[in-house]
PDB file of N, CA and C in Angstrom:
ATOM      1  N   MET A   1     -46.470  27.195 132.825  1.00  0.00           N
ATOM      2  CA  MET A   1     -45.938  26.132 132.749  1.00  0.00           C
ATOM      3  C   MET A   1     -44.325  26.367 132.850  1.00  0.00           C
ATOM      4  N   LEU A   2     -43.787  25.527 133.204  1.00  0.00           N
ATOM      5  CA  LEU A   2     -42.204  25.661 133.525  1.00  0.00           C
ATOM      6  C   LEU A   2     -41.826  24.949 132.252  1.00  0.00           C
ATOM      7  N   ARG A   3     -40.718  25.362 131.732  1.00  0.00           N
ATOM      8  CA  ARG A   3     -40.079  24.927 130.542  1.00  0.00           C
ATOM      9  C   ARG A   3     -38.673  24.798 130.802  1.00  0.00           C
ATOM     10  N   VAL A   4     -37.907  23.642 130.355  1.00  0.00           N
ATOM     11  CA  VAL A   4     -36.360  23.495 130.593  1.00  0.00           C
ATOM     12  C   VAL A   4     -35.650  24.223 129.515  1.00  0.00           C
ATOM     13  N   TYR A   5     -34.576  25.255 129.806  1.00  0.00           N
ATOM     14  CA  TYR A   5     -33.872  25.854 128.892  1.00  0.00           C
ATOM     15  C   TYR A   5     -32.347  25.384 129.226  1.00  0.00           C
ATOM     16  N   ASP A   6     -31.744  25.400 127.940  1.00  0.00           N
ATOM     17  CA  ASP A   6     -30.123  25.247 128.217  1.00  0.00           C
ATOM     18  C   ASP A   6     -29.529  26.790 128.417  1.00  0.00           C
ATOM     19  N   VAL A   7     -28.828  27.022 129.343  1.00  0.00           N
ATOM     20  CA  VAL A   7     -28.241  28.245 129.470  1.00  0.00           C
ATOM     21  C   VAL A   7     -26.746  28.286 129.867  1.00  0.00           C
ATOM     22  N   GLU A   8     -26.007  29.270 129.496  1.00  0.00           N
ATOM     23  CA  GLU A   8     -24.476  29.251 129.636  1.00  0.00           C
ATOM     24  C   GLU A   8     -24.206  30.713 130.538  1.00  0.00           C
ATOM     25  N   CYS A   9     -23.066  30.357 131.307  1.00  0.00           N
ATOM     26  CA  CYS A   9     -22.677  31.502 132.108  1.00  0.00           C
ATOM     27  C   CYS A   9     -21.881  32.541 131.289  1.00  0.00           C
ATOM     28  N   LYS A  10     -22.219  33.943 131.490  1.00  0.00           N
ATOM     29  CA  LYS A  10     -21.632  34.675 130.585  1.00  0.00           C
ATOM     30  C   LYS A  10     -20.081  34.906 131.185  1.00  0.00           C
ATOM     31  N   LYS A  11     -19.952  34.666 132.466  1.00  0.00           N
ATOM     32  CA  LYS A  11     -18.722  35.057 133.121  1.00  0.00           C
ATOM     33  C   LYS A  11     -17.501  33.650 132.745  1.00  0.00           C
ATOM     34  N   CYS A  12     -17.993  32.391 133.094  1.00  0.00           N
ATOM     35  CA  CYS A  12     -17.002  31.238 133.111  1.00  0.00           C
ATOM     36  C   CYS A  12     -17.280  30.441 131.962  1.00  0.00           C
ATOM     37  N   GLY A  13     -18.746  30.357 131.338  1.00  0.00           N
ATOM     38  CA  GLY A  13     -18.968  29.441 130.214  1.00  0.00           C
ATOM     39  C   GLY A  13     -19.558  28.395 130.746  1.00  0.00           C
ATOM     40  N   HIS A  14     -19.954  27.977 131.855  1.00  0.00           N
ATOM     41  CA  HIS A  14     -20.569  26.901 132.229  1.00  0.00           C
ATOM     42  C   HIS A  14     -21.869  26.742 131.835  1.00  0.00           C
ATOM     43  N   ILE A  15     -22.050  25.493 131.271  1.00  0.00           N
ATOM     44  CA  ILE A  15     -23.478  25.057 130.689  1.00  0.00           C
ATOM     45  C   ILE A  15     -24.204  24.234 131.569  1.00  0.00           C
ATOM     46  N   GLU A  16     -25.598  24.595 131.574  1.00  0.00           N
ATOM     47  CA  GLU A  16     -26.471  23.649 132.423  1.00  0.00           C
ATOM     48  C   GLU A  16     -27.928  24.008 131.953  1.00  0.00           C
ATOM     49  N   GLU A  17     -28.897  23.101 132.485  1.00  0.00           N
ATOM     50  CA  GLU A  17     -30.265  23.419 132.322  1.00  0.00           C
ATOM     51  C   GLU A  17     -30.775  23.611 133.309  1.00  0.00           C
ATOM     52  N   GLN A  18     -31.973  24.971 133.010  1.00  0.00           N
ATOM     53  CA  GLN A  18     -32.576  25.399 134.244  1.00  0.00           C
ATOM     54  C   GLN A  18     -33.975  25.416 133.725  1.00  0.00           C
ATOM     55  N   TYR A  19     -35.001  25.304 134.775  1.00  0.00           N
ATOM     56  CA  TYR A  19     -36.414  25.618 134.551  1.00  0.00           C
ATOM     57  C   TYR A  19     -36.795  27.063 134.665  1.00  0.00           C
ATOM     58  N   SER A  20     -37.664  27.234 133.833  1.00  0.00           N
ATOM     59  CA  SER A  20     -38.392  28.610 134.020  1.00  0.00           C
ATOM     60  C   SER A  20     -39.677  28.918 133.246  1.00  0.00           C
ATOM     61  N   GLU A  21     -40.623  30.029 133.751  1.00  0.00           N
ATOM     62  CA  GLU A  21     -41.796  30.217 133.108  1.00  0.00           C
ATOM     63  C   GLU A  21     -41.370  30.950 131.627  1.00  0.00           C
ATOM     64  N   ASP A  22     -40.169  31.804 131.671  1.00  0.00           N
ATOM     65  CA  ASP A  22     -40.176  32.513 130.495  1.00  0.00           C
ATOM     66  C   ASP A  22     -38.615  32.322 130.184  1.00  0.00           C
ATOM     67  N   ASP A  23     -38.219  32.930 129.209  1.00  0.00           N
ATOM     68  CA  ASP A  23     -36.816  32.703 128.757  1.00  0.00           C
ATOM     69  C   ASP A  23     -35.732  33.752 128.840  1.00  0.00           C
ATOM     70  N   THR A  24     -36.299  34.627 129.905  1.00  0.00           N
ATOM     71  CA  THR A  24     -35.356  35.583 130.285  1.00  0.00           C
ATOM     72  C   THR A  24     -34.666  35.720 131.735  1.00  0.00           C
ATOM     73  N   SER A  25     -35.468  35.056 132.621  1.00  0.00           N
ATOM     74  CA  SER A  25     -35.129  34.838 134.096  1.00  0.00           C
ATOM     75  C   SER A  25     -34.672  33.591 134.362  1.00  0.00           C
ATOM     76  N   PHE A  26     -33.179  33.470 134.765  1.00  0.00           N
ATOM     77  CA  PHE A  26     -32.650  32.413 135.286  1.00  0.00           C
ATOM     78  C   PHE A  26     -31.953  32.584 136.301  1.00  0.00           C
ATOM     79  N   ASN A  27     -31.733  31.529 137.205  1.00  0.00           N
ATOM     80  CA  ASN A  27     -30.800  31.552 138.298  1.00  0.00           C
ATOM     81  C   ASN A  27     -29.460  31.803 138.181  1.00  0.00           C
ATOM     82  N   ASP A  28     -28.652  32.337 138.894  1.00  0.00           N
ATOM     83  CA  ASP A  28     -27.211  32.556 138.644  1.00  0.00           C
ATOM     84  C   ASP A  28     -26.481  31.417 138.605  1.00  0.00           C
ATOM     85  N   CYS A  29     -25.234  31.259 137.791  1.00  0.00           N
ATOM     86  CA  CYS A  29     -24.402  30.267 137.682  1.00  0.00           C
ATOM     87  C   CYS A  29     -23.899  29.348 139.090  1.00  0.00           C
ATOM     88  N   GLU A  30     -24.187  28.240 138.947  1.00  0.00           N
ATOM     89  CA  GLU A  30     -23.884  27.315 140.225  1.00  0.00           C
ATOM     90  C   GLU A  30     -22.298  27.295 140.592  1.00  0.00           C
ATOM     91  N   LYS A  31     -21.589  27.622 139.565  1.00  0.00           N
ATOM     92  CA  LYS A  31     -20.027  27.647 139.669  1.00  0.00           C
ATOM     93  C   LYS A  31     -19.490  28.697 140.063  1.00  0.00           C
ATOM     94  N   CYS A  32     -19.804  29.944 139.759  1.00  0.00           N
ATOM     95  CA  CYS A  32     -19.078  31.079 139.988  1.00  0.00           C
ATOM     96  C   CYS A  32     -20.053  32.043 140.358  1.00  0.00           C
ATOM     97  N   GLY A  33     -21.402  32.038 140.212  1.00  0.00           N
ATOM     98  CA  GLY A  33     -22.280  33.044 140.445  1.00  0.00           C
ATOM     99  C   GLY A  33     -22.740  34.084 139.478  1.00  0.00           C
ATOM    100  N   GLY A  34     -22.193  33.775 138.377  1.00  0.00           N
ATOM    101  CA  GLY A  34     -22.371  34.723 137.249  1.00  0.00           C
ATOM    102  C   GLY A  34     -23.815  34.671 136.621  1.00  0.00           C
ATOM    103  N   MET A  35     -23.988  35.715 135.587  1.00  0.00           N
ATOM    104  CA  MET A  35     -25.291  35.852 135.163  1.00  0.00           C
ATOM    105  C   MET A  35     -25.408  34.745 133.953  1.00  0.00           C
ATOM    106  N   MET A  36     -26.506  34.068 134.001  1.00  0.00           N
ATOM    107  CA  MET A  36     -26.778  33.139 132.902  1.00  0.00           C
ATOM    108  C   MET A  36     -27.590  33.727 131.801  1.00  0.00           C
ATOM    109  N   ARG A  37     -27.272  33.082 130.514  1.00  0.00           N
ATOM    110  CA  ARG A  37     -27.961  33.561 129.227  1.00  0.00           C
ATOM    111  C   ARG A  37     -28.497  32.208 128.817  1.00  0.00           C
ATOM    112  N   ARG A  38     -29.738  32.405 127.870  1.00  0.00           N
ATOM    113  CA  ARG A  38     -30.101  31.121 127.364  1.00  0.00           C
ATOM    114  C   ARG A  38     -29.264  31.012 125.986  1.00  0.00           C
ATOM    115  N   ILE A  39     -29.201  29.814 125.530  1.00  0.00           N
ATOM    116  CA  ILE A  39     -28.469  29.257 124.477  1.00  0.00           C
ATOM    117  C   ILE A  39     -29.543  28.286 123.849  1.00  0.00           C
ATOM    118  N   PHE A  40     -29.362  28.240 122.476  1.00  0.00           N
ATOM    119  CA  PHE A  40     -29.878  27.512 121.643  1.00  0.00           C
ATOM    120  C   PHE A  40     -29.155  26.339 121.230  1.00  0.00           C
ATOM    121  N   THR A  41     -29.843  24.867 121.509  1.00  0.00           N
ATOM    122  CA  THR A  41     -29.146  23.732 121.293  1.00  0.00           C
ATOM    123  C   THR A  41     -29.972  23.051 120.090  1.00  0.00           C
ATOM    124  N   LYS A  42     -29.453  21.914 119.782  1.00  0.00           N
ATOM    125  CA  LYS A  42     -30.145  21.136 118.793  1.00  0.00           C
ATOM    126  C   LYS A  42     -31.680  20.676 119.092  1.00  0.00           C
ATOM    127  N   PHE A  43     -31.779  20.346 120.389  1.00  0.00           N
ATOM    128  CA  PHE A  43     -32.928  19.699 120.971  1.00  0.00           C
ATOM    129  C   PHE A  43     -33.456  20.159 122.245  1.00  0.00           C
ATOM    130  N   ASN A  44     -34.415  20.884 122.307  1.00  0.00           N
ATOM    131  CA  ASN A  44     -34.928  21.387 123.407  1.00  0.00           C
ATOM    132  C   ASN A  44     -36.294  20.597 124.214  1.00  0.00           C
ATOM    133  N   TYR A  45     -36.802  19.889 123.232  1.00  0.00           N
ATOM    134  CA  TYR A  45     -37.954  19.258 123.970  1.00  0.00           C
ATOM    135  C   TYR A  45     -37.799  17.860 123.846  1.00  0.00           C
ATOM    136  N   LYS A  46     -38.487  17.138 124.609  1.00  0.00           N
ATOM    137  CA  LYS A  46     -38.518  15.559 124.575  1.00  0.00           C
ATOM    138  C   LYS A  46     -39.854  14.910 124.260  1.00  0.00           C
ATOM    139  N   LEU A  47     -39.998  13.877 123.413  1.00  0.00           N
ATOM    140  CA  LEU A  47     -40.999  13.125 122.943  1.00  0.00           C
ATOM    141  C   LEU A  47     -41.481  12.414 124.266  1.00  0.00           C
ATOM    142  N   VAL A  48     -42.935  12.521 124.675  1.00  0.00           N
ATOM    143  CA  VAL A  48     -43.558  12.221 125.687  1.00  0.00           C
ATOM    144  C   VAL A  48     -44.678  11.247 125.246  1.00  0.00           C
ATOM    145  N   TYR A  49     -44.763  10.080 125.871  1.00  0.00           N
ATOM    146  CA  TYR A  49     -45.805   9.005 125.618  1.00  0.00           C
ATOM    147  C   TYR A  49     -46.781   9.113 126.719  1.00  0.00           C
ATOM    148  N   ASN A  50     -48.062   9.449 126.219  1.00  0.00           N
ATOM    149  CA  ASN A  50     -49.312   9.344 127.321  1.00  0.00           C
ATOM    150  C   ASN A  50     -50.042   8.251 127.114  1.00  0.00           C
ATOM    151  N   ASN A  51     -50.070   7.476 128.323  1.00  0.00           N
ATOM    152  CA  ASN A  51     -50.786   6.209 128.199  1.00  0.00           C
ATOM    153  C   ASN A  51     -52.168   6.396 128.015  1.00  0.00           C
ATOM    154  N   LYS A  52     -52.876   7.171 128.694  1.00  0.00           N
ATOM    155  CA  LYS A  52     -54.340   7.659 128.546  1.00  0.00           C
ATOM    156  C   LYS A  52     -54.776   7.826 127.171  1.00  0.00           C
ATOM    157  N   THR A  53     -53.968   8.550 126.298  1.00  0.00           N
ATOM    158  CA  THR A  53     -54.435   8.623 124.882  1.00  0.00           C
ATOM    159  C   THR A  53     -53.988   7.884 123.972  1.00  0.00           C
ATOM    160  N   ASP A  54     -52.694   6.942 124.371  1.00  0.00           N
ATOM    161  CA  ASP A  54     -52.088   6.162 123.621  1.00  0.00           C
ATOM    162  C   ASP A  54     -51.368   7.110 122.328  1.00  0.00           C
ATOM    163  N   ILE A  55     -50.982   8.256 122.874  1.00  0.00           N
ATOM    164  CA  ILE A  55     -50.341   9.261 121.802  1.00  0.00           C
ATOM    165  C   ILE A  55     -48.820   9.639 122.153  1.00  0.00           C
ATOM    166  N   CYS A  56     -47.828   9.573 121.391  1.00  0.00           N
ATOM    167  CA  CYS A  56     -46.526  10.232 121.583  1.00  0.00           C
ATOM    168  C   CYS A  56     -46.466  11.395 121.021  1.00  0.00           C
ATOM    169  N   GLY A  57     -46.076  12.583 121.730  1.00  0.00           N
ATOM    170  CA  GLY A  57     -45.945  14.020 121.217  1.00  0.00           C
ATOM    171  C   GLY A  57     -44.930  14.705 121.974  1.00  0.00           C
ATOM    172  N   TRP A  58     -44.856  15.996 121.293  1.00  0.00           N
ATOM    173  CA  TRP A  58     -43.743  16.754 121.851  1.00  0.00           C
ATOM    174  C   TRP A  58     -44.261  17.601 123.146  1.00  0.00           C
ATOM    175  N   GLY A  59     -43.596  17.473 124.230  1.00  0.00           N
ATOM    176  CA  GLY A  59     -44.002  18.060 125.422  1.00  0.00           C
ATOM    177  C   GLY A  59     -45.157  17.698 125.973  1.00  0.00           C
ATOM    178  N   ALA A  60     -45.794  18.495 127.030  1.00  0.00           N
ATOM    179  CA  ALA A  60     -46.908  17.862 127.677  1.00  0.00           C
ATOM    180  C   ALA A  60     -48.204  18.328 126.960  1.00  0.00           C
ATOM    181  N   HIS A  61     -48.382  18.901 125.968  1.00  0.00           N
ATOM    182  CA  HIS A  61     -49.543  19.099 125.100  1.00  0.00           C
ATOM    183  C   HIS A  61     -49.595  18.444 124.059  1.00  0.00           C
ATOM    184  N   ASN A  62     -48.778  17.432 123.851  1.00  0.00           N
ATOM    185  CA  ASN A  62     -48.931  16.637 122.696  1.00  0.00           C
ATOM    186  C   ASN A  62     -49.124  17.502 121.365  1.00  0.00           C
ATOM    187  N   TYR A  63     -48.362  18.612 121.288  1.00  0.00           N
ATOM    188  CA  TYR A  63     -48.471  19.427 119.983  1.00  0.00           C
ATOM    189  C   TYR A  63     -47.431  18.947 118.831  1.00  0.00           C
ATOM    190  N   ASP A  64     -47.576  19.004 117.925  1.00  0.00           N
ATOM    191  CA  ASP A  64     -46.816  18.418 116.692  1.00  0.00           C
ATOM    192  C   ASP A  64     -46.613  16.931 116.889  1.00  0.00           C
ATOM    193  N   ARG A  65     -47.789  16.280 116.898  1.00  0.00           N
ATOM    194  CA  ARG A  65     -47.831  14.782 117.071  1.00  0.00           C
ATOM    195  C   ARG A  65     -47.070  13.993 116.046  1.00  0.00           C
ATOM    196  N   SER A  66     -46.663  12.810 116.433  1.00  0.00           N
ATOM    197  CA  SER A  66     -45.985  12.175 115.225  1.00  0.00           C
ATOM    198  C   SER A  66     -47.001  11.400 114.325  1.00  0.00           C
ATOM    199  N   ARG A  67     -46.754  11.301 113.027  1.00  0.00           N
ATOM    200  CA  ARG A  67     -47.789  10.560 112.313  1.00  0.00           C
ATOM    201  C   ARG A  67     -47.616   9.112 112.538  1.00  0.00           C
ATOM    202  N   TYR A  68     -46.878   8.540 112.921  1.00  0.00           N
ATOM    203  CA  TYR A  68     -46.971   7.186 113.436  1.00  0.00           C
ATOM    204  C   TYR A  68     -47.967   7.054 114.233  1.00  0.00           C
ATOM    205  N   TRP A  69     -48.365   7.858 115.179  1.00  0.00           N
ATOM    206  CA  TRP A  69     -49.541   7.479 116.176  1.00  0.00           C
ATOM    207  C   TRP A  69     -50.820   7.401 115.167  1.00  0.00           C
ATOM    208  N   ASP A  70     -51.024   8.427 114.365  1.00  0.00           N
ATOM    209  CA  ASP A  70     -52.076   8.436 113.519  1.00  0.00           C
ATOM    210  C   ASP A  70     -52.227   7.128 112.775  1.00  0.00           C
ATOM    211  N   ASN A  71     -51.186   6.537 112.186  1.00  0.00           N
ATOM    212  CA  ASN A  71     -51.210   5.303 111.629  1.00  0.00           C
ATOM    213  C   ASN A  71     -51.418   4.111 112.566  1.00  0.00           C
ATOM    214  N   VAL A  72     -50.962   4.271 113.756  1.00  0.00           N
ATOM    215  CA  VAL A  72     -51.454   3.015 114.711  1.00  0.00           C
ATOM    216  C   VAL A  72     -52.818   3.136 115.180  1.00  0.00           C
ATOM    217  N   LYS A  73     -53.328   4.241 115.168  1.00  0.00           N
ATOM    218  CA  LYS A  73     -54.789   4.299 115.565  1.00  0.00           C
ATOM    219  C   LYS A  73     -55.525   3.734 114.178  1.00  0.00           C
ATOM    220  N   ALA A  74     -55.336   4.321 113.174  1.00  0.00           N
ATOM    221  CA  ALA A  74     -55.897   3.756 111.813  1.00  0.00           C
ATOM    222  C   ALA A  74     -55.975   2.364 111.609  1.00  0.00           C
ATOM    223  N   ALA A  75     -54.908   1.780 111.916  1.00  0.00           N
ATOM    224  CA  ALA A  75     -54.705   0.283 111.612  1.00  0.00           C
ATOM    225  C   ALA A  75     -55.638  -0.527 112.581  1.00  0.00           C
ATOM    226  N   ARG A  76     -55.384   0.051 114.138  1.00  0.00           N
ATOM    227  CA  ARG A  76     -56.494  -0.541 115.179  1.00  0.00           C
ATOM    228  C   ARG A  76     -57.771  -0.460 114.823  1.00  0.00           C
ATOM    229  N   GLU A  77     -58.273   0.567 114.175  1.00  0.00           N
ATOM    230  CA  GLU A  77     -59.579   0.819 113.713  1.00  0.00           C
ATOM    231  C   GLU A  77     -60.001  -0.096 112.629  1.00  0.00           C
ATOM    232  N   ARG A  78     -58.869  -0.633 111.824  1.00  0.00           N
ATOM    233  CA  ARG A  78     -59.387  -1.575 110.656  1.00  0.00           C
ATOM    234  C   ARG A  78     -59.096  -3.023 111.286  1.00  0.00           C
ATOM    235  N   GLY A  79     -58.835  -2.951 112.645  1.00  0.00           N
ATOM    236  CA  GLY A  79     -58.857  -4.503 113.494  1.00  0.00           C
ATOM    237  C   GLY A  79     -57.305  -5.048 112.994  1.00  0.00           C
ATOM    238  N   GLU A  80     -56.496  -4.361 112.828  1.00  0.00           N
ATOM    239  CA  GLU A  80     -55.028  -4.925 112.849  1.00  0.00           C
ATOM    240  C   GLU A  80     -54.536  -4.769 113.986  1.00  0.00           C
ATOM    241  N   ASP A  81     -53.429  -5.718 114.403  1.00  0.00           N
ATOM    242  CA  ASP A  81     -52.726  -5.544 115.659  1.00  0.00           C
ATOM    243  C   ASP A  81     -51.398  -4.467 115.611  1.00  0.00           C
ATOM    244  N   ALA A  82     -51.886  -3.498 115.949  1.00  0.00           N
ATOM    245  CA  ALA A  82     -50.790  -2.310 116.002  1.00  0.00           C
ATOM    246  C   ALA A  82     -50.422  -2.171 117.154  1.00  0.00           C
ATOM    247  N   LYS A  83     -49.106  -2.149 117.850  1.00  0.00           N
ATOM    248  CA  LYS A  83     -48.654  -2.136 118.869  1.00  0.00           C
ATOM    249  C   LYS A  83     -47.795  -0.683 119.091  1.00  0.00           C
ATOM    250  N   SER A  84     -48.043  -0.130 120.289  1.00  0.00           N
ATOM    251  CA  SER A  84     -47.341   1.067 120.644  1.00  0.00           C
ATOM    252  C   SER A  84     -45.874   0.400 120.819  1.00  0.00           C
ATOM    253  N   PRO A  85     -44.769   1.352 120.634  1.00  0.00           N
ATOM    254  CA  PRO A  85     -43.340   0.980 120.875  1.00  0.00           C
ATOM    255  C   PRO A  85     -43.243   1.023 122.465  1.00  0.00           C
ATOM    256  N   ASN A  86     -42.246   0.518 122.993  1.00  0.00           N
ATOM    257  CA  ASN A  86     -41.982   0.777 124.321  1.00  0.00           C
ATOM    258  C   ASN A  86     -41.324   2.044 124.919  1.00  0.00           C
ATOM    259  N   CYS A  87     -42.226   2.717 125.385  1.00  0.00           N
ATOM    260  CA  CYS A  87     -41.855   4.357 125.954  1.00  0.00           C
ATOM    261  C   CYS A  87     -41.655   4.091 127.400  1.00  0.00           C
ATOM    262  N   LYS A  88     -40.687   4.756 127.858  1.00  0.00           N
ATOM    263  CA  LYS A  88     -40.356   4.946 129.354  1.00  0.00           C
ATOM    264  C   LYS A  88     -41.193   6.090 129.926  1.00  0.00           C
ATOM    265  N   TYR A  89     -42.017   6.927 129.146  1.00  0.00           N
ATOM    266  CA  TYR A  89     -42.500   7.996 129.665  1.00  0.00           C
ATOM    267  C   TYR A  89     -44.087   7.962 129.636  1.00  0.00           C
TER     268      TYR A  89
END
């Protein structure tokens, strides 16, 4: 599975996102051709909404699910009108 990483050029300091299967092999810098290294930013995952399961979770596998979705499911089971937020994903 490809993951997105924030990487920085060791030579010129250019920062960009790259997709990789591991956190060690990255393409060379687009600007100067230097070697890229992984950097850690505040947020590396995006929250994804799955229409089929009606669950919003982190990444493609819905791990670390939000408790909000458990509460929505419980409210629906009680017959309450619980609505999903407007997600673009």
